[in-house]
């Protein structure tokens, strides 16, 4: 029983030390403009109560944007 309790405490301690970046979520959006794609990303972030960092954006006939959501 003591071994299980010690392992549980160790697991909780390890999880609490993990960086917040490991829990980041990646989202994508497409639009006809950069502003439109960013607005969609911003809306997703706001809906989840998070901030965002744009990782990439590319355009051709449409803009494709990828961002990372974080607290």
PDB file of N, CA and C in Angstrom:
ATOM      1  N   UNK A   1       0.814  -1.188   0.000  1.00  0.00           N
ATOM      2  CA  UNK A   1       0.000   0.000   0.000  1.00  0.00           C
ATOM      3  C   UNK A   1       0.861   1.256   0.000  1.00  0.00           C
ATOM      4  N   UNK A   2       1.963   1.222   0.781  1.00  0.00           N
ATOM      5  CA  UNK A   2       2.856   2.375   0.832  1.00  0.00           C
ATOM      6  C   UNK A   2       3.505   2.628  -0.525  1.00  0.00           C
ATOM      7  N   UNK A   3       3.793   1.565  -1.257  1.00  0.00           N
ATOM      8  CA  UNK A   3       4.412   1.694  -2.575  1.00  0.00           C
ATOM      9  C   UNK A   3       3.454   2.386  -3.544  1.00  0.00           C
ATOM     10  N   UNK A   4       2.196   2.008  -3.519  1.00  0.00           N
ATOM     11  CA  UNK A   4       1.199   2.617  -4.405  1.00  0.00           C
ATOM     12  C   UNK A   4       1.039   4.093  -4.059  1.00  0.00           C
ATOM     13  N   UNK A   5       0.991   4.403  -2.772  1.00  0.00           N
ATOM     14  CA  UNK A   5       0.844   5.792  -2.343  1.00  0.00           C
ATOM     15  C   UNK A   5       2.063   6.609  -2.763  1.00  0.00           C
ATOM     16  N   UNK A   6       3.254   6.064  -2.611  1.00  0.00           N
ATOM     17  CA  UNK A   6       4.479   6.761  -2.995  1.00  0.00           C
ATOM     18  C   UNK A   6       4.517   6.987  -4.506  1.00  0.00           C
ATOM     19  N   UNK A   7       4.086   5.987  -5.276  1.00  0.00           N
ATOM     20  CA  UNK A   7       4.068   6.127  -6.731  1.00  0.00           C
ATOM     21  C   UNK A   7       3.051   7.179  -7.151  1.00  0.00           C
ATOM     22  N   UNK A   8       1.909   7.226  -6.481  1.00  0.00           N
ATOM     23  CA  UNK A   8       0.890   8.227  -6.791  1.00  0.00           C
ATOM     24  C   UNK A   8       1.405   9.625  -6.510  1.00  0.00           C
ATOM     25  N   UNK A   9       2.066   9.801  -5.407  1.00  0.00           N
ATOM     26  CA  UNK A   9       2.633  11.105  -5.062  1.00  0.00           C
ATOM     27  C   UNK A   9       3.693  11.499  -6.078  1.00  0.00           C
ATOM     28  N   UNK A  10       4.526  10.567  -6.485  1.00  0.00           N
ATOM     29  CA  UNK A  10       5.558  10.847  -7.485  1.00  0.00           C
ATOM     30  C   UNK A  10       4.939  11.233  -8.827  1.00  0.00           C
ATOM     31  N   UNK A  11       3.870  10.559  -9.200  1.00  0.00           N
ATOM     32  CA  UNK A  11       3.205  10.873 -10.471  1.00  0.00           C
ATOM     33  C   UNK A  11       2.585  12.260 -10.443  1.00  0.00           C
ATOM     34  N   UNK A  12       1.948  12.614  -9.353  1.00  0.00           N
ATOM     35  CA  UNK A  12       1.354  13.951  -9.225  1.00  0.00           C
ATOM     36  C   UNK A  12       2.448  15.013  -9.259  1.00  0.00           C
ATOM     37  N   UNK A  13       3.546  14.768  -8.592  1.00  0.00           N
ATOM     38  CA  UNK A  13       4.650  15.722  -8.593  1.00  0.00           C
ATOM     39  C   UNK A  13       5.230  15.896  -9.992  1.00  0.00           C
ATOM     40  N   UNK A  14       5.383  14.807 -10.718  1.00  0.00           N
ATOM     41  CA  UNK A  14       5.930  14.878 -12.074  1.00  0.00           C
ATOM     42  C   UNK A  14       4.996  15.644 -13.002  1.00  0.00           C
ATOM     43  N   UNK A  15       3.705  15.389 -12.900  1.00  0.00           N
ATOM     44  CA  UNK A  15       2.743  16.095 -13.744  1.00  0.00           C
ATOM     45  C   UNK A  15       2.691  17.582 -13.412  1.00  0.00           C
ATOM     46  N   UNK A  16       2.852  17.932 -12.162  1.00  0.00           N
ATOM     47  CA  UNK A  16       2.798  19.346 -11.791  1.00  0.00           C
ATOM     48  C   UNK A  16       4.024  20.107 -12.269  1.00  0.00           C
ATOM     49  N   UNK A  17       5.112  19.401 -12.538  1.00  0.00           N
ATOM     50  CA  UNK A  17       6.333  20.049 -13.006  1.00  0.00           C
ATOM     51  C   UNK A  17       6.400  20.180 -14.523  1.00  0.00           C
ATOM     52  N   UNK A  18       5.485  19.533 -15.234  1.00  0.00           N
ATOM     53  CA  UNK A  18       5.485  19.615 -16.690  1.00  0.00           C
ATOM     54  C   UNK A  18       5.146  21.037 -17.110  1.00  0.00           C
ATOM     55  N   UNK A  19       5.766  21.490 -18.173  1.00  0.00           N
ATOM     56  CA  UNK A  19       5.504  22.851 -18.626  1.00  0.00           C
ATOM     57  C   UNK A  19       4.113  22.972 -19.214  1.00  0.00           C
ATOM     58  N   UNK A  20       3.585  24.175 -19.188  1.00  0.00           N
ATOM     59  CA  UNK A  20       2.258  24.433 -19.750  1.00  0.00           C
ATOM     60  C   UNK A  20       2.261  24.198 -21.254  1.00  0.00           C
ATOM     61  N   UNK A  21       3.403  24.327 -21.890  1.00  0.00           N
ATOM     62  CA  UNK A  21       3.486  24.129 -23.339  1.00  0.00           C
ATOM     63  C   UNK A  21       3.126  22.705 -23.738  1.00  0.00           C
ATOM     64  N   UNK A  22       3.338  21.760 -22.840  1.00  0.00           N
ATOM     65  CA  UNK A  22       3.010  20.383 -23.176  1.00  0.00           C
ATOM     66  C   UNK A  22       1.508  20.170 -23.278  1.00  0.00           C
ATOM     67  N   UNK A  23       0.724  21.107 -22.761  1.00  0.00           N
ATOM     68  CA  UNK A  23      -0.726  21.002 -22.832  1.00  0.00           C
ATOM     69  C   UNK A  23      -1.300  21.926 -23.900  1.00  0.00           C
ATOM     70  N   UNK A  24      -0.446  22.537 -24.707  1.00  0.00           N
ATOM     71  CA  UNK A  24      -0.915  23.454 -25.747  1.00  0.00           C
ATOM     72  C   UNK A  24      -1.694  22.690 -26.813  1.00  0.00           C
ATOM     73  N   UNK A  25      -2.621  23.387 -27.411  1.00  0.00           N
ATOM     74  CA  UNK A  25      -3.464  22.797 -28.449  1.00  0.00           C
ATOM     75  C   UNK A  25      -3.205  23.531 -29.754  1.00  0.00           C
ATOM     76  N   UNK A  26      -3.107  22.806 -30.841  1.00  0.00           N
ATOM     77  CA  UNK A  26      -2.915  23.399 -32.160  1.00  0.00           C
ATOM     78  C   UNK A  26      -4.255  23.467 -32.878  1.00  0.00           C
ATOM     79  N   UNK A  27      -4.529  24.638 -33.467  1.00  0.00           N
ATOM     80  CA  UNK A  27      -5.773  24.830 -34.215  1.00  0.00           C
ATOM     81  C   UNK A  27      -5.441  25.399 -35.591  1.00  0.00           C
ATOM     82  N   UNK A  28      -6.344  25.204 -36.536  1.00  0.00           N
ATOM     83  CA  UNK A  28      -6.155  25.729 -37.887  1.00  0.00           C
ATOM     84  C   UNK A  28      -7.406  26.474 -38.326  1.00  0.00           C
ATOM     85  N   UNK A  29      -7.215  27.355 -39.312  1.00  0.00           N
ATOM     86  CA  UNK A  29      -8.344  28.080 -39.889  1.00  0.00           C
ATOM     87  C   UNK A  29      -8.009  28.411 -41.329  1.00  0.00           C
ATOM     88  N   UNK A  30      -9.046  28.546 -42.137  1.00  0.00           N
ATOM     89  CA  UNK A  30      -8.876  28.984 -43.520  1.00  0.00           C
ATOM     90  C   UNK A  30      -9.822  30.145 -43.783  1.00  0.00           C
ATOM     91  N   UNK A  31      -9.383  31.032 -44.677  1.00  0.00           N
ATOM     92  CA  UNK A  31     -10.177  32.189 -45.049  1.00  0.00           C
ATOM     93  C   UNK A  31      -9.635  32.752 -46.355  1.00  0.00           C
ATOM     94  N   UNK A  32     -10.317  33.716 -46.895  1.00  0.00           N
ATOM     95  CA  UNK A  32      -9.833  34.369 -48.114  1.00  0.00           C
ATOM     96  C   UNK A  32      -8.749  35.402 -47.826  1.00  0.00           C
ATOM     97  N   UNK A  33      -8.644  35.855 -46.558  1.00  0.00           N
ATOM     98  CA  UNK A  33      -7.649  36.872 -46.194  1.00  0.00           C
ATOM     99  C   UNK A  33      -6.901  36.457 -44.927  1.00  0.00           C
ATOM    100  N   UNK A  34      -5.737  37.060 -44.703  1.00  0.00           N
ATOM    101  CA  UNK A  34      -4.995  36.824 -43.464  1.00  0.00           C
ATOM    102  C   UNK A  34      -5.804  37.287 -42.258  1.00  0.00           C
ATOM    103  N   UNK A  35      -6.422  38.467 -42.380  1.00  0.00           N
ATOM    104  CA  UNK A  35      -7.232  38.986 -41.274  1.00  0.00           C
ATOM    105  C   UNK A  35      -8.387  38.045 -40.940  1.00  0.00           C
ATOM    106  N   UNK A  36      -9.004  37.490 -41.953  1.00  0.00           N
ATOM    107  CA  UNK A  36     -10.109  36.566 -41.729  1.00  0.00           C
ATOM    108  C   UNK A  36      -9.678  35.293 -41.019  1.00  0.00           C
ATOM    109  N   UNK A  37      -8.540  34.749 -41.439  1.00  0.00           N
ATOM    110  CA  UNK A  37      -8.024  33.526 -40.806  1.00  0.00           C
ATOM    111  C   UNK A  37      -7.628  33.807 -39.363  1.00  0.00           C
ATOM    112  N   UNK A  38      -6.981  34.945 -39.125  1.00  0.00           N
ATOM    113  CA  UNK A  38      -6.586  35.276 -37.751  1.00  0.00           C
ATOM    114  C   UNK A  38      -7.810  35.519 -36.877  1.00  0.00           C
ATOM    115  N   UNK A  39      -8.845  36.125 -37.433  1.00  0.00           N
ATOM    116  CA  UNK A  39     -10.073  36.345 -36.663  1.00  0.00           C
ATOM    117  C   UNK A  39     -10.686  35.016 -36.231  1.00  0.00           C
ATOM    118  N   UNK A  40     -10.629  34.018 -37.092  1.00  0.00           N
ATOM    119  CA  UNK A  40     -11.151  32.690 -36.742  1.00  0.00           C
ATOM    120  C   UNK A  40     -10.317  32.049 -35.640  1.00  0.00           C
ATOM    121  N   UNK A  41      -8.997  32.200 -35.735  1.00  0.00           N
ATOM    122  CA  UNK A  41      -8.101  31.674 -34.686  1.00  0.00           C
ATOM    123  C   UNK A  41      -8.388  32.382 -33.361  1.00  0.00           C
ATOM    124  N   UNK A  42      -8.505  33.713 -33.414  1.00  0.00           N
ATOM    125  CA  UNK A  42      -8.777  34.497 -32.208  1.00  0.00           C
ATOM    126  C   UNK A  42     -10.096  34.087 -31.566  1.00  0.00           C
ATOM    127  N   UNK A  43     -11.107  33.814 -32.385  1.00  0.00           N
ATOM    128  CA  UNK A  43     -12.406  33.389 -31.858  1.00  0.00           C
ATOM    129  C   UNK A  43     -12.297  32.035 -31.156  1.00  0.00           C
ATOM    130  N   UNK A  44     -11.525  31.115 -31.740  1.00  0.00           N
ATOM    131  CA  UNK A  44     -11.334  29.800 -31.113  1.00  0.00           C
ATOM    132  C   UNK A  44     -10.621  29.945 -29.779  1.00  0.00           C
ATOM    133  N   UNK A  45      -9.601  30.801 -29.747  1.00  0.00           N
ATOM    134  CA  UNK A  45      -8.852  31.023 -28.510  1.00  0.00           C
ATOM    135  C   UNK A  45      -9.743  31.652 -27.445  1.00  0.00           C
ATOM    136  N   UNK A  46     -10.512  32.658 -27.836  1.00  0.00           N
ATOM    137  CA  UNK A  46     -11.394  33.331 -26.882  1.00  0.00           C
ATOM    138  C   UNK A  46     -12.445  32.376 -26.339  1.00  0.00           C
ATOM    139  N   UNK A  47     -12.975  31.540 -27.188  1.00  0.00           N
ATOM    140  CA  UNK A  47     -13.992  30.573 -26.779  1.00  0.00           C
ATOM    141  C   UNK A  47     -13.466  29.632 -25.696  1.00  0.00           C
ATOM    142  N   UNK A  48     -12.173  29.324 -25.766  1.00  0.00           N
ATOM    143  CA  UNK A  48     -11.571  28.412 -24.790  1.00  0.00           C
ATOM    144  C   UNK A  48     -10.850  29.160 -23.668  1.00  0.00           C
ATOM    145  N   UNK A  49     -10.934  30.489 -23.678  1.00  0.00           N
ATOM    146  CA  UNK A  49     -10.300  31.282 -22.623  1.00  0.00           C
ATOM    147  C   UNK A  49      -8.790  31.217 -22.663  1.00  0.00           C
ATOM    148  N   UNK A  50      -8.225  31.151 -23.874  1.00  0.00           N
ATOM    149  CA  UNK A  50      -6.780  31.027 -24.015  1.00  0.00           C
ATOM    150  C   UNK A  50      -6.230  32.114 -24.929  1.00  0.00           C
ATOM    151  N   UNK A  51      -4.918  32.197 -24.969  1.00  0.00           N
ATOM    152  CA  UNK A  51      -4.227  33.085 -25.890  1.00  0.00           C
ATOM    153  C   UNK A  51      -3.738  32.242 -27.051  1.00  0.00           C
ATOM    154  N   UNK A  52      -3.216  32.891 -28.093  1.00  0.00           N
ATOM    155  CA  UNK A  52      -2.720  32.133 -29.233  1.00  0.00           C
ATOM    156  C   UNK A  52      -1.427  32.727 -29.780  1.00  0.00           C
ATOM    157  N   UNK A  53      -0.678  31.851 -30.433  1.00  0.00           N
ATOM    158  CA  UNK A  53       0.551  32.249 -31.133  1.00  0.00           C
ATOM    159  C   UNK A  53       0.466  31.622 -32.518  1.00  0.00           C
ATOM    160  N   UNK A  54       0.558  32.448 -33.547  1.00  0.00           N
ATOM    161  CA  UNK A  54       0.490  31.941 -34.916  1.00  0.00           C
ATOM    162  C   UNK A  54       1.796  31.226 -35.238  1.00  0.00           C
ATOM    163  N   UNK A  55       1.684  29.996 -35.696  1.00  0.00           N
ATOM    164  CA  UNK A  55       2.853  29.191 -36.041  1.00  0.00           C
ATOM    165  C   UNK A  55       3.203  29.306 -37.515  1.00  0.00           C
ATOM    166  N   UNK A  56       2.184  29.372 -38.369  1.00  0.00           N
ATOM    167  CA  UNK A  56       2.427  29.485 -39.806  1.00  0.00           C
ATOM    168  C   UNK A  56       1.176  29.980 -40.504  1.00  0.00           C
ATOM    169  N   UNK A  57       1.407  30.603 -41.634  1.00  0.00           N
ATOM    170  CA  UNK A  57       0.301  31.015 -42.510  1.00  0.00           C
ATOM    171  C   UNK A  57       0.787  30.886 -43.944  1.00  0.00           C
ATOM    172  N   UNK A  58      -0.061  30.358 -44.788  1.00  0.00           N
ATOM    173  CA  UNK A  58       0.291  30.242 -46.202  1.00  0.00           C
ATOM    174  C   UNK A  58      -0.926  30.641 -47.020  1.00  0.00           C
ATOM    175  N   UNK A  59      -0.649  31.148 -48.207  1.00  0.00           N
ATOM    176  CA  UNK A  59      -1.779  31.523 -49.044  1.00  0.00           C
ATOM    177  C   UNK A  59      -1.547  31.092 -50.473  1.00  0.00           C
ATOM    178  N   UNK A  60      -2.611  30.850 -51.130  1.00  0.00           N
ATOM    179  CA  UNK A  60      -2.704  30.513 -52.537  1.00  0.00           C
ATOM    180  C   UNK A  60      -4.030  31.114 -52.956  1.00  0.00           C
ATOM    181  N   UNK A  61      -4.988  30.276 -53.215  1.00  0.00           N
ATOM    182  CA  UNK A  61      -6.346  30.768 -53.456  1.00  0.00           C
ATOM    183  C   UNK A  61      -7.041  31.127 -52.145  1.00  0.00           C
ATOM    184  N   UNK A  62      -6.633  30.481 -51.052  1.00  0.00           N
ATOM    185  CA  UNK A  62      -7.148  30.775 -49.708  1.00  0.00           C
ATOM    186  C   UNK A  62      -5.970  30.818 -48.740  1.00  0.00           C
ATOM    187  N   UNK A  63      -6.196  31.429 -47.592  1.00  0.00           N
ATOM    188  CA  UNK A  63      -5.173  31.485 -46.538  1.00  0.00           C
ATOM    189  C   UNK A  63      -5.409  30.318 -45.588  1.00  0.00           C
ATOM    190  N   UNK A  64      -4.356  29.612 -45.269  1.00  0.00           N
ATOM    191  CA  UNK A  64      -4.402  28.538 -44.276  1.00  0.00           C
ATOM    192  C   UNK A  64      -3.494  28.972 -43.134  1.00  0.00           C
ATOM    193  N   UNK A  65      -4.011  28.972 -41.915  1.00  0.00           N
ATOM    194  CA  UNK A  65      -3.239  29.433 -40.756  1.00  0.00           C
ATOM    195  C   UNK A  65      -3.285  28.385 -39.665  1.00  0.00           C
ATOM    196  N   UNK A  66      -2.149  28.164 -39.020  1.00  0.00           N
ATOM    197  CA  UNK A  66      -2.052  27.269 -37.874  1.00  0.00           C
ATOM    198  C   UNK A  66      -1.556  28.069 -36.687  1.00  0.00           C
ATOM    199  N   UNK A  67      -2.171  27.840 -35.532  1.00  0.00           N
ATOM    200  CA  UNK A  67      -1.775  28.545 -34.319  1.00  0.00           C
ATOM    201  C   UNK A  67      -1.789  27.581 -33.146  1.00  0.00           C
ATOM    202  N   UNK A  68      -1.074  27.973 -32.110  1.00  0.00           N
ATOM    203  CA  UNK A  68      -1.019  27.198 -30.884  1.00  0.00           C
ATOM    204  C   UNK A  68      -1.762  27.969 -29.808  1.00  0.00           C
ATOM    205  N   UNK A  69      -2.717  27.319 -29.138  1.00  0.00           N
ATOM    206  CA  UNK A  69      -3.445  27.932 -28.031  1.00  0.00           C
ATOM    207  C   UNK A  69      -2.728  27.592 -26.737  1.00  0.00           C
ATOM    208  N   UNK A  70      -2.660  28.571 -25.844  1.00  0.00           N
ATOM    209  CA  UNK A  70      -2.022  28.357 -24.554  1.00  0.00           C
ATOM    210  C   UNK A  70      -2.644  29.277 -23.528  1.00  0.00           C
ATOM    211  N   UNK A  71      -2.443  28.970 -22.276  1.00  0.00           N
ATOM    212  CA  UNK A  71      -2.973  29.795 -21.170  1.00  0.00           C
ATOM    213  C   UNK A  71      -2.002  30.883 -20.850  1.00  0.00           C
TER     214      UNK A  71
END
